[in-house]
Amino acid sequence: MNWAYFWSLLSISLHAMVPITLTAVGEVIGESAGLFNIGLEGILLLSAFTGTLGARAGGPLFGLFVGLITGLGVGFVFGLICAYWKGNQLIAGVGINLFALGFVAFGLQVLGSPGFYTVPRAVQLPPIRTPVGAFSPLIPVALVLPFFVHGLLGHTRVGLRIKAVGENPEAADVAGVPVELVQLLSTMAGAALAGLAGAYMSVSWLGSVTKEISAGRGFIALATVVFSGLRPLLALAGGLLFGFFESLATWIQSLPGVKEVVPWQFIAMIPYVATLLVVTGLIGRVRFPKALGVPYRRE
């Protein structure tokens, strides 16, 4: 293996890490406040599509912004239903996923590209050129963000309020913390990061959008959150783990004669199966907030 091939694998790993890391770290924020959102898969799918539309209208940065706003909007609806209206968080998340599947499939039909749409290269986010290769500008964002969120949740007044609402909303309410508002803003922030991740996939990384572009990454992000125990730095480790196995699958497919012996679908399964096995195998006694998933009702 020469150095050029090594850097190629590293590039694939880092690019594949971004959507998992952004989505998982965002969900860490939401779950720390007591709301769990299994609609991450749908947010990734929706924002990948709307990010493409935004890039066509105003360029790649606007596309990323539209994707982020899409996630923010979905997070607002989810938080409104679950924090203020005390709806079932599981059902709301499933609803997001089902809506995204139908909406994106219909949207691609409207664009005249059923199932697949290629983002014009002129509106894709240009990579950062380095001596060892080209990398998306969102890679350093994904690498730095977990450290920022770690500091936010662990060493600021805002983080203390978020954790208090997730751990004991009654006590937080008595102390004057607006429980529903904190939950709403936390889940909106998490969904916004998932929206940014979705737009990244279509506008920066893959350069296309399909009706299956999320490809289970939202659920992998949820598994990463469980593995991390709501610790952002471990969520980053989970993202890097998935990225490594995705690059490994790419390397295996490039080996001579492999495709003739093993169907490509089995090779494509490697990053998902390996990540789930490692993540579930490393889960020990993870402690989540006591009020996670439980609607808060004042008495």
C-alpha atoms as a PDB file:
ATOM      1  CA  MET A   1       0.000   0.000   0.000  1.00  0.00           C
ATOM      2  CA  ASN A   2       1.546   3.308  -1.087  1.00  0.00           C
ATOM      3  CA  TRP A   3       1.021   6.664   0.611  1.00  0.00           C
ATOM      4  CA  ALA A   4      -1.401   7.905  -2.042  1.00  0.00           C
ATOM      5  CA  TYR A   5      -3.668   4.944  -1.385  1.00  0.00           C
ATOM      6  CA  PHE A   6      -3.399   5.474   2.369  1.00  0.00           C
ATOM      7  CA  TRP A   7      -4.469   9.111   2.069  1.00  0.00           C
ATOM      8  CA  SER A   8      -7.327   8.041  -0.180  1.00  0.00           C
ATOM      9  CA  LEU A   9      -8.624   5.722   2.534  1.00  0.00           C
ATOM     10  CA  LEU A  10      -8.169   8.454   5.125  1.00  0.00           C
ATOM     11  CA  SER A  11     -10.150  10.863   2.950  1.00  0.00           C
ATOM     12  CA  ILE A  12     -13.025   8.390   2.607  1.00  0.00           C
ATOM     13  CA  SER A  13     -13.022   7.775   6.370  1.00  0.00           C
ATOM     14  CA  LEU A  14     -13.139  11.460   7.245  1.00  0.00           C
ATOM     15  CA  HIS A  15     -15.862  12.262   4.719  1.00  0.00           C
ATOM     16  CA  ALA A  16     -18.008   9.337   5.859  1.00  0.00           C
ATOM     17  CA  MET A  17     -17.538  10.379   9.485  1.00  0.00           C
ATOM     18  CA  VAL A  18     -19.102  13.822   9.092  1.00  0.00           C
ATOM     19  CA  PRO A  19     -22.852  13.010   8.856  1.00  0.00           C
ATOM     20  CA  ILE A  20     -22.703  10.462  11.680  1.00  0.00           C
ATOM     21  CA  THR A  21     -20.772  12.790  13.982  1.00  0.00           C
ATOM     22  CA  LEU A  22     -22.877  15.896  13.328  1.00  0.00           C
ATOM     23  CA  THR A  23     -26.132  13.987  13.734  1.00  0.00           C
ATOM     24  CA  ALA A  24     -25.033  12.087  16.848  1.00  0.00           C
ATOM     25  CA  VAL A  25     -23.643  15.160  18.608  1.00  0.00           C
ATOM     26  CA  GLY A  26     -26.855  17.023  17.847  1.00  0.00           C
ATOM     27  CA  GLU A  27     -28.915  14.202  19.292  1.00  0.00           C
ATOM     28  CA  VAL A  28     -26.741  14.250  22.416  1.00  0.00           C
ATOM     29  CA  ILE A  29     -27.934  17.817  23.016  1.00  0.00           C
ATOM     30  CA  GLY A  30     -31.585  16.886  22.564  1.00  0.00           C
ATOM     31  CA  GLU A  31     -31.461  13.763  24.717  1.00  0.00           C
ATOM     32  CA  SER A  32     -29.596  15.611  27.467  1.00  0.00           C
ATOM     33  CA  ALA A  33     -32.742  17.744  27.745  1.00  0.00           C
ATOM     34  CA  GLY A  34     -34.994  14.689  27.913  1.00  0.00           C
ATOM     35  CA  LEU A  35     -36.266  14.338  24.322  1.00  0.00           C
ATOM     36  CA  PHE A  36     -35.201  11.502  22.039  1.00  0.00           C
ATOM     37  CA  ASN A  37     -35.781  11.878  18.309  1.00  0.00           C
ATOM     38  CA  ILE A  38     -35.683   8.757  16.160  1.00  0.00           C
ATOM     39  CA  GLY A  39     -36.624  10.893  13.165  1.00  0.00           C
ATOM     40  CA  LEU A  40     -32.953  11.630  12.407  1.00  0.00           C
ATOM     41  CA  GLU A  41     -33.099   9.446   9.316  1.00  0.00           C
ATOM     42  CA  GLY A  42     -35.922  11.553   7.956  1.00  0.00           C
ATOM     43  CA  ILE A  43     -34.158  14.824   8.772  1.00  0.00           C
ATOM     44  CA  LEU A  44     -31.052  13.686   6.891  1.00  0.00           C
ATOM     45  CA  LEU A  45     -33.168  12.750   3.885  1.00  0.00           C
ATOM     46  CA  LEU A  46     -35.239  15.944   3.859  1.00  0.00           C
ATOM     47  CA  SER A  47     -32.275  18.258   4.313  1.00  0.00           C
ATOM     48  CA  ALA A  48     -30.260  16.498   1.613  1.00  0.00           C
ATOM     49  CA  PHE A  49     -33.099  17.274  -0.794  1.00  0.00           C
ATOM     50  CA  THR A  50     -33.801  20.838   0.333  1.00  0.00           C
ATOM     51  CA  GLY A  51     -30.063  21.546   0.511  1.00  0.00           C
ATOM     52  CA  THR A  52     -29.838  20.600  -3.148  1.00  0.00           C
ATOM     53  CA  LEU A  53     -32.645  23.005  -4.009  1.00  0.00           C
ATOM     54  CA  GLY A  54     -30.941  25.728  -1.985  1.00  0.00           C
ATOM     55  CA  ALA A  55     -27.613  25.134  -3.738  1.00  0.00           C
ATOM     56  CA  ARG A  56     -29.302  25.404  -7.120  1.00  0.00           C
ATOM     57  CA  ALA A  57     -30.920  28.677  -6.084  1.00  0.00           C
ATOM     58  CA  GLY A  58     -28.053  30.417  -4.292  1.00  0.00           C
ATOM     59  CA  GLY A  59     -24.876  28.346  -4.314  1.00  0.00           C
ATOM     60  CA  PRO A  60     -23.346  25.723  -2.010  1.00  0.00           C
ATOM     61  CA  LEU A  61     -23.233  27.790   1.186  1.00  0.00           C
ATOM     62  CA  PHE A  62     -26.872  28.705   0.774  1.00  0.00           C
ATOM     63  CA  GLY A  63     -27.616  25.024   0.197  1.00  0.00           C
ATOM     64  CA  LEU A  64     -25.967  24.107   3.491  1.00  0.00           C
ATOM     65  CA  PHE A  65     -27.907  26.903   5.179  1.00  0.00           C
ATOM     66  CA  VAL A  66     -31.210  25.673   3.739  1.00  0.00           C
ATOM     67  CA  GLY A  67     -30.435  22.157   4.952  1.00  0.00           C
ATOM     68  CA  LEU A  68     -29.669  23.475   8.427  1.00  0.00           C
ATOM     69  CA  ILE A  69     -32.917  25.502   8.453  1.00  0.00           C
ATOM     70  CA  THR A  70     -34.822  22.421   7.309  1.00  0.00           C
ATOM     71  CA  GLY A  71     -33.516  20.491  10.285  1.00  0.00           C
ATOM     72  CA  LEU A  72     -34.279  23.430  12.541  1.00  0.00           C
ATOM     73  CA  GLY A  73     -37.859  23.535  11.288  1.00  0.00           C
ATOM     74  CA  VAL A  74     -38.391  19.815  11.747  1.00  0.00           C
ATOM     75  CA  GLY A  75     -36.882  20.093  15.229  1.00  0.00           C
ATOM     76  CA  PHE A  76     -39.300  22.918  16.020  1.00  0.00           C
ATOM     77  CA  VAL A  77     -42.312  20.815  14.997  1.00  0.00           C
ATOM     78  CA  PHE A  78     -40.974  17.809  16.920  1.00  0.00           C
ATOM     79  CA  GLY A  79     -40.284  19.905  20.029  1.00  0.00           C
ATOM     80  CA  LEU A  80     -43.685  21.591  19.817  1.00  0.00           C
ATOM     81  CA  ILE A  81     -45.453  18.235  19.658  1.00  0.00           C
ATOM     82  CA  CYS A  82     -43.392  16.498  22.325  1.00  0.00           C
ATOM     83  CA  ALA A  83     -42.410  19.276  24.746  1.00  0.00           C
ATOM     84  CA  TYR A  84     -45.479  21.501  24.697  1.00  0.00           C
ATOM     85  CA  TRP A  85     -48.251  19.171  23.548  1.00  0.00           C
ATOM     86  CA  LYS A  86     -46.827  16.144  25.427  1.00  0.00           C
ATOM     87  CA  GLY A  87     -47.020  13.895  22.370  1.00  0.00           C
ATOM     88  CA  ASN A  88     -45.401  10.486  22.080  1.00  0.00           C
ATOM     89  CA  GLN A  89     -41.778  11.006  21.055  1.00  0.00           C
ATOM     90  CA  LEU A  90     -41.460   7.616  19.364  1.00  0.00           C
ATOM     91  CA  ILE A  91     -44.521   8.144  17.177  1.00  0.00           C
ATOM     92  CA  ALA A  92     -43.453  11.696  16.285  1.00  0.00           C
ATOM     93  CA  GLY A  93     -40.032  10.432  15.179  1.00  0.00           C
ATOM     94  CA  VAL A  94     -41.540   7.655  13.065  1.00  0.00           C
ATOM     95  CA  GLY A  95     -43.838  10.235  11.497  1.00  0.00           C
ATOM     96  CA  ILE A  96     -40.843  12.355  10.471  1.00  0.00           C
ATOM     97  CA  ASN A  97     -39.186   9.365   8.814  1.00  0.00           C
ATOM     98  CA  LEU A  98     -42.312   8.348   6.904  1.00  0.00           C
ATOM     99  CA  PHE A  99     -43.029  11.902   5.773  1.00  0.00           C
ATOM    100  CA  ALA A 100     -39.459  12.309   4.501  1.00  0.00           C
ATOM    101  CA  LEU A 101     -39.624   9.087   2.478  1.00  0.00           C
ATOM    102  CA  GLY A 102     -42.733  10.194   0.653  1.00  0.00           C
ATOM    103  CA  PHE A 103     -41.827  13.862   0.294  1.00  0.00           C
ATOM    104  CA  VAL A 104     -38.362  13.311  -1.170  1.00  0.00           C
ATOM    105  CA  ALA A 105     -39.563  10.621  -3.585  1.00  0.00           C
ATOM    106  CA  PHE A 106     -42.281  13.001  -4.794  1.00  0.00           C
ATOM    107  CA  GLY A 107     -39.844  15.929  -4.948  1.00  0.00           C
ATOM    108  CA  LEU A 108     -37.458  13.990  -7.164  1.00  0.00           C
ATOM    109  CA  GLN A 109     -40.363  13.219  -9.488  1.00  0.00           C
ATOM    110  CA  VAL A 110     -41.146  16.931  -9.700  1.00  0.00           C
ATOM    111  CA  LEU A 111     -37.501  17.653 -10.574  1.00  0.00           C
ATOM    112  CA  GLY A 112     -37.828  15.196 -13.434  1.00  0.00           C
ATOM    113  CA  SER A 113     -35.256  12.811 -11.932  1.00  0.00           C
ATOM    114  CA  PRO A 114     -37.174   9.925 -10.322  1.00  0.00           C
ATOM    115  CA  GLY A 115     -35.052   8.357  -7.599  1.00  0.00           C
ATOM    116  CA  PHE A 116     -31.800  10.157  -8.413  1.00  0.00           C
ATOM    117  CA  TYR A 117     -30.679  13.728  -9.032  1.00  0.00           C
ATOM    118  CA  THR A 118     -27.116  14.853  -9.702  1.00  0.00           C
ATOM    119  CA  VAL A 119     -26.151  18.162  -8.121  1.00  0.00           C
ATOM    120  CA  PRO A 120     -24.420  20.347 -10.748  1.00  0.00           C
ATOM    121  CA  ARG A 121     -20.716  20.588  -9.999  1.00  0.00           C
ATOM    122  CA  ALA A 122     -20.898  24.390 -10.187  1.00  0.00           C
ATOM    123  CA  VAL A 123     -23.099  24.501  -7.059  1.00  0.00           C
ATOM    124  CA  GLN A 124     -21.274  21.831  -5.056  1.00  0.00           C
ATOM    125  CA  LEU A 125     -19.206  22.990  -2.079  1.00  0.00           C
ATOM    126  CA  PRO A 126     -15.584  23.295  -3.273  1.00  0.00           C
ATOM    127  CA  PRO A 127     -13.111  21.198  -1.268  1.00  0.00           C
ATOM    128  CA  ILE A 128     -10.081  22.438   0.623  1.00  0.00           C
ATOM    129  CA  ARG A 129      -6.950  21.586  -1.360  1.00  0.00           C
ATOM    130  CA  THR A 130      -4.038  20.255   0.704  1.00  0.00           C
ATOM    131  CA  PRO A 131      -0.717  18.622  -0.246  1.00  0.00           C
ATOM    132  CA  VAL A 132      -2.178  15.218   0.664  1.00  0.00           C
ATOM    133  CA  GLY A 133      -5.576  15.600  -1.003  1.00  0.00           C
ATOM    134  CA  ALA A 134      -8.854  17.492  -1.104  1.00  0.00           C
ATOM    135  CA  PHE A 135     -11.148  17.585   1.916  1.00  0.00           C
ATOM    136  CA  SER A 136     -14.586  19.040   2.576  1.00  0.00           C
ATOM    137  CA  PRO A 137     -14.605  22.197   4.747  1.00  0.00           C
ATOM    138  CA  LEU A 138     -17.132  20.453   7.009  1.00  0.00           C
ATOM    139  CA  ILE A 139     -14.587  17.858   8.127  1.00  0.00           C
ATOM    140  CA  PRO A 140     -12.833  20.240  10.562  1.00  0.00           C
ATOM    141  CA  VAL A 141     -16.269  21.439  11.702  1.00  0.00           C
ATOM    142  CA  ALA A 142     -17.265  17.873  12.578  1.00  0.00           C
ATOM    143  CA  LEU A 143     -13.954  17.280  14.346  1.00  0.00           C
ATOM    144  CA  VAL A 144     -14.145  20.447  16.464  1.00  0.00           C
ATOM    145  CA  LEU A 145     -17.877  20.513  17.220  1.00  0.00           C
ATOM    146  CA  PRO A 146     -17.877  17.618  19.756  1.00  0.00           C
ATOM    147  CA  PHE A 147     -15.290  19.457  21.861  1.00  0.00           C
ATOM    148  CA  PHE A 148     -17.436  22.601  21.788  1.00  0.00           C
ATOM    149  CA  VAL A 149     -20.577  20.694  22.807  1.00  0.00           C
ATOM    150  CA  HIS A 150     -18.598  18.872  25.501  1.00  0.00           C
ATOM    151  CA  GLY A 151     -17.613  22.220  26.982  1.00  0.00           C
ATOM    152  CA  LEU A 152     -21.135  23.601  26.574  1.00  0.00           C
ATOM    153  CA  LEU A 153     -22.846  20.736  28.380  1.00  0.00           C
ATOM    154  CA  GLY A 154     -20.223  20.217  31.039  1.00  0.00           C
ATOM    155  CA  HIS A 155     -18.925  23.661  31.913  1.00  0.00           C
ATOM    156  CA  THR A 156     -21.582  26.313  31.258  1.00  0.00           C
ATOM    157  CA  ARG A 157     -24.801  27.510  32.862  1.00  0.00           C
ATOM    158  CA  VAL A 158     -26.668  26.660  29.676  1.00  0.00           C
ATOM    159  CA  GLY A 159     -25.405  23.081  29.807  1.00  0.00           C
ATOM    160  CA  LEU A 160     -26.367  22.800  33.477  1.00  0.00           C
ATOM    161  CA  ARG A 161     -29.927  23.868  32.659  1.00  0.00           C
ATOM    162  CA  ILE A 162     -30.159  21.409  29.772  1.00  0.00           C
ATOM    163  CA  LYS A 163     -29.001  18.540  31.962  1.00  0.00           C
ATOM    164  CA  ALA A 164     -31.232  19.589  34.849  1.00  0.00           C
ATOM    165  CA  VAL A 165     -34.288  19.539  32.585  1.00  0.00           C
ATOM    166  CA  GLY A 166     -33.405  16.063  31.351  1.00  0.00           C
ATOM    167  CA  GLU A 167     -32.588  14.691  34.792  1.00  0.00           C
ATOM    168  CA  ASN A 168     -35.255  16.261  36.999  1.00  0.00           C
ATOM    169  CA  PRO A 169     -37.656  18.616  35.204  1.00  0.00           C
ATOM    170  CA  GLU A 170     -39.741  19.123  38.345  1.00  0.00           C
ATOM    171  CA  ALA A 171     -36.783  20.497  40.289  1.00  0.00           C
ATOM    172  CA  ALA A 172     -35.671  22.568  37.299  1.00  0.00           C
ATOM    173  CA  ASP A 173     -39.170  24.029  37.002  1.00  0.00           C
ATOM    174  CA  VAL A 174     -39.234  24.942  40.697  1.00  0.00           C
ATOM    175  CA  ALA A 175     -35.857  26.642  40.236  1.00  0.00           C
ATOM    176  CA  GLY A 176     -37.337  28.831  37.509  1.00  0.00           C
ATOM    177  CA  VAL A 177     -35.999  27.024  34.441  1.00  0.00           C
ATOM    178  CA  PRO A 178     -38.529  27.062  31.557  1.00  0.00           C
ATOM    179  CA  VAL A 179     -38.582  23.299  30.975  1.00  0.00           C
ATOM    180  CA  GLU A 180     -40.541  23.191  27.720  1.00  0.00           C
ATOM    181  CA  LEU A 181     -38.549  26.036  26.181  1.00  0.00           C
ATOM    182  CA  VAL A 182     -35.212  24.402  27.050  1.00  0.00           C
ATOM    183  CA  GLN A 183     -36.399  21.113  25.555  1.00  0.00           C
ATOM    184  CA  LEU A 184     -37.657  22.853  22.422  1.00  0.00           C
ATOM    185  CA  LEU A 185     -34.437  24.791  21.834  1.00  0.00           C
ATOM    186  CA  SER A 186     -32.262  21.742  22.587  1.00  0.00           C
ATOM    187  CA  THR A 187     -34.055  19.487  20.140  1.00  0.00           C
ATOM    188  CA  MET A 188     -34.059  22.271  17.533  1.00  0.00           C
ATOM    189  CA  ALA A 189     -30.283  22.644  17.894  1.00  0.00           C
ATOM    190  CA  GLY A 190     -29.807  18.899  17.523  1.00  0.00           C
ATOM    191  CA  ALA A 191     -32.082  18.682  14.496  1.00  0.00           C
ATOM    192  CA  ALA A 192     -30.295  21.653  12.904  1.00  0.00           C
ATOM    193  CA  LEU A 193     -27.006  19.754  13.069  1.00  0.00           C
ATOM    194  CA  ALA A 194     -28.698  16.735  11.469  1.00  0.00           C
ATOM    195  CA  GLY A 195     -30.001  19.088   8.785  1.00  0.00           C
ATOM    196  CA  LEU A 196     -26.495  20.369   8.144  1.00  0.00           C
ATOM    197  CA  ALA A 197     -25.303  16.761   7.903  1.00  0.00           C
ATOM    198  CA  GLY A 198     -27.958  15.939   5.315  1.00  0.00           C
ATOM    199  CA  ALA A 199     -27.142  18.954   3.158  1.00  0.00           C
ATOM    200  CA  TYR A 200     -23.445  18.068   3.417  1.00  0.00           C
ATOM    201  CA  MET A 201     -24.104  14.653   1.880  1.00  0.00           C
ATOM    202  CA  SER A 202     -25.771  16.050  -1.239  1.00  0.00           C
ATOM    203  CA  VAL A 203     -24.017  19.400  -1.687  1.00  0.00           C
ATOM    204  CA  SER A 204     -20.498  18.528  -0.569  1.00  0.00           C
ATOM    205  CA  TRP A 205     -19.728  14.830  -0.274  1.00  0.00           C
ATOM    206  CA  LEU A 206     -21.763  12.723  -2.711  1.00  0.00           C
ATOM    207  CA  GLY A 207     -22.805  15.433  -5.163  1.00  0.00           C
ATOM    208  CA  SER A 208     -26.232  13.876  -5.667  1.00  0.00           C
ATOM    209  CA  VAL A 209     -29.475  13.194  -3.870  1.00  0.00           C
ATOM    210  CA  THR A 210     -31.500   9.992  -3.974  1.00  0.00           C
ATOM    211  CA  LYS A 211     -34.579   8.786  -2.149  1.00  0.00           C
ATOM    212  CA  GLU A 212     -32.313   6.511  -0.073  1.00  0.00           C
ATOM    213  CA  ILE A 213     -29.380   8.898   0.435  1.00  0.00           C
ATOM    214  CA  SER A 214     -29.583   8.716   4.234  1.00  0.00           C
ATOM    215  CA  ALA A 215     -29.011   4.946   3.953  1.00  0.00           C
ATOM    216  CA  GLY A 216     -29.554   4.201   7.637  1.00  0.00           C
ATOM    217  CA  ARG A 217     -27.084   6.804   8.863  1.00  0.00           C
ATOM    218  CA  GLY A 218     -29.693   8.343  11.148  1.00  0.00           C
ATOM    219  CA  PHE A 219     -30.112   5.032  12.957  1.00  0.00           C
ATOM    220  CA  ILE A 220     -26.355   4.516  13.123  1.00  0.00           C
ATOM    221  CA  ALA A 221     -26.154   7.968  14.727  1.00  0.00           C
ATOM    222  CA  LEU A 222     -28.765   6.886  17.296  1.00  0.00           C
ATOM    223  CA  ALA A 223     -26.718   3.776  18.067  1.00  0.00           C
ATOM    224  CA  THR A 224     -23.659   6.008  18.428  1.00  0.00           C
ATOM    225  CA  VAL A 225     -25.520   8.194  20.937  1.00  0.00           C
ATOM    226  CA  VAL A 226     -26.343   5.116  23.017  1.00  0.00           C
ATOM    227  CA  PHE A 227     -22.740   3.960  22.816  1.00  0.00           C
ATOM    228  CA  SER A 228     -21.490   7.395  23.856  1.00  0.00           C
ATOM    229  CA  GLY A 229     -23.727   7.663  26.895  1.00  0.00           C
ATOM    230  CA  LEU A 230     -24.477  11.267  25.839  1.00  0.00           C
ATOM    231  CA  ARG A 231     -20.769  12.170  25.788  1.00  0.00           C
ATOM    232  CA  PRO A 232     -19.968  14.189  22.660  1.00  0.00           C
ATOM    233  CA  LEU A 233     -16.336  13.069  22.442  1.00  0.00           C
ATOM    234  CA  LEU A 234     -17.377   9.407  22.375  1.00  0.00           C
ATOM    235  CA  ALA A 235     -19.944  10.315  19.718  1.00  0.00           C
ATOM    236  CA  LEU A 236     -17.023  11.598  17.648  1.00  0.00           C
ATOM    237  CA  ALA A 237     -15.252   8.272  18.198  1.00  0.00           C
ATOM    238  CA  GLY A 238     -18.351   6.453  16.945  1.00  0.00           C
ATOM    239  CA  GLY A 239     -18.420   8.614  13.827  1.00  0.00           C
ATOM    240  CA  LEU A 240     -14.755   7.930  13.128  1.00  0.00           C
ATOM    241  CA  LEU A 241     -15.398   4.221  13.629  1.00  0.00           C
ATOM    242  CA  PHE A 242     -18.139   4.218  11.002  1.00  0.00           C
ATOM    243  CA  GLY A 243     -15.965   6.230   8.625  1.00  0.00           C
ATOM    244  CA  PHE A 244     -13.132   3.735   8.988  1.00  0.00           C
ATOM    245  CA  PHE A 245     -15.325   0.744   8.181  1.00  0.00           C
ATOM    246  CA  GLU A 246     -16.856   2.551   5.191  1.00  0.00           C
ATOM    247  CA  SER A 247     -13.375   3.175   3.795  1.00  0.00           C
ATOM    248  CA  LEU A 248     -12.526  -0.470   4.517  1.00  0.00           C
ATOM    249  CA  ALA A 249     -15.569  -1.592   2.506  1.00  0.00           C
ATOM    250  CA  THR A 250     -14.441   0.626  -0.372  1.00  0.00           C
ATOM    251  CA  TRP A 251     -10.971  -0.936  -0.235  1.00  0.00           C
ATOM    252  CA  ILE A 252     -12.404  -4.471  -0.251  1.00  0.00           C
ATOM    253  CA  GLN A 253     -14.539  -3.685  -3.308  1.00  0.00           C
ATOM    254  CA  SER A 254     -11.431  -2.471  -5.144  1.00  0.00           C
ATOM    255  CA  LEU A 255      -9.609  -5.791  -4.664  1.00  0.00           C
ATOM    256  CA  PRO A 256      -9.312  -7.832  -7.877  1.00  0.00           C
ATOM    257  CA  GLY A 257     -11.922 -10.571  -8.206  1.00  0.00           C
ATOM    258  CA  VAL A 258     -13.879  -9.665  -5.065  1.00  0.00           C
ATOM    259  CA  LYS A 259     -16.986  -8.438  -6.892  1.00  0.00           C
ATOM    260  CA  GLU A 260     -17.153 -11.690  -8.835  1.00  0.00           C
ATOM    261  CA  VAL A 261     -17.194 -13.739  -5.624  1.00  0.00           C
ATOM    262  CA  VAL A 262     -19.065 -11.557  -3.121  1.00  0.00           C
ATOM    263  CA  PRO A 263     -22.175  -9.519  -4.066  1.00  0.00           C
ATOM    264  CA  TRP A 264     -21.569  -5.783  -3.638  1.00  0.00           C
ATOM    265  CA  GLN A 265     -24.564  -5.543  -1.318  1.00  0.00           C
ATOM    266  CA  PHE A 266     -22.777  -7.687   1.268  1.00  0.00           C
ATOM    267  CA  ILE A 267     -19.680  -5.524   1.035  1.00  0.00           C
ATOM    268  CA  ALA A 268     -21.805  -2.378   1.441  1.00  0.00           C
ATOM    269  CA  MET A 269     -23.181  -3.867   4.670  1.00  0.00           C
ATOM    270  CA  ILE A 270     -19.739  -3.952   6.297  1.00  0.00           C
ATOM    271  CA  PRO A 271     -19.674  -0.434   7.840  1.00  0.00           C
ATOM    272  CA  TYR A 272     -23.176  -0.822   9.283  1.00  0.00           C
ATOM    273  CA  VAL A 273     -22.776  -4.324  10.676  1.00  0.00           C
ATOM    274  CA  ALA A 274     -19.273  -3.712  12.007  1.00  0.00           C
ATOM    275  CA  THR A 275     -20.213  -0.403  13.618  1.00  0.00           C
ATOM    276  CA  LEU A 276     -23.299  -1.869  15.281  1.00  0.00           C
ATOM    277  CA  LEU A 277     -21.352  -4.882  16.552  1.00  0.00           C
ATOM    278  CA  VAL A 278     -18.553  -2.758  17.983  1.00  0.00           C
ATOM    279  CA  VAL A 279     -20.895  -0.143  19.422  1.00  0.00           C
ATOM    280  CA  THR A 280     -23.247  -2.627  21.067  1.00  0.00           C
ATOM    281  CA  GLY A 281     -20.310  -4.674  22.297  1.00  0.00           C
ATOM    282  CA  LEU A 282     -18.790  -1.658  24.029  1.00  0.00           C
ATOM    283  CA  ILE A 283     -22.015  -0.513  25.682  1.00  0.00           C
ATOM    284  CA  GLY A 284     -21.657  -1.037  29.376  1.00  0.00           C
ATOM    285  CA  ARG A 285     -23.644   0.502  32.157  1.00  0.00           C
ATOM    286  CA  VAL A 286     -24.734   3.620  30.339  1.00  0.00           C
ATOM    287  CA  ARG A 287     -26.793   6.012  32.416  1.00  0.00           C
ATOM    288  CA  PHE A 288     -29.278   8.252  30.646  1.00  0.00           C
ATOM    289  CA  PRO A 289     -31.308  11.152  32.082  1.00  0.00           C
ATOM    290  CA  LYS A 290     -34.134   9.925  34.305  1.00  0.00           C
ATOM    291  CA  ALA A 291     -36.762  11.934  32.438  1.00  0.00           C
ATOM    292  CA  LEU A 292     -35.640  10.884  28.944  1.00  0.00           C
ATOM    293  CA  GLY A 293     -38.709  10.159  26.851  1.00  0.00           C
ATOM    294  CA  VAL A 294     -41.141  11.087  29.633  1.00  0.00           C
ATOM    295  CA  PRO A 295     -43.353  14.123  28.922  1.00  0.00           C
ATOM    296  CA  TYR A 296     -43.201  16.661  31.747  1.00  0.00           C
ATOM    297  CA  ARG A 297     -46.565  17.642  33.162  1.00  0.00           C
ATOM    298  CA  ARG A 298     -46.921  20.179  35.939  1.00  0.00           C
ATOM    299  CA  GLU A 299     -49.036  19.117  38.878  1.00  0.00           C
END
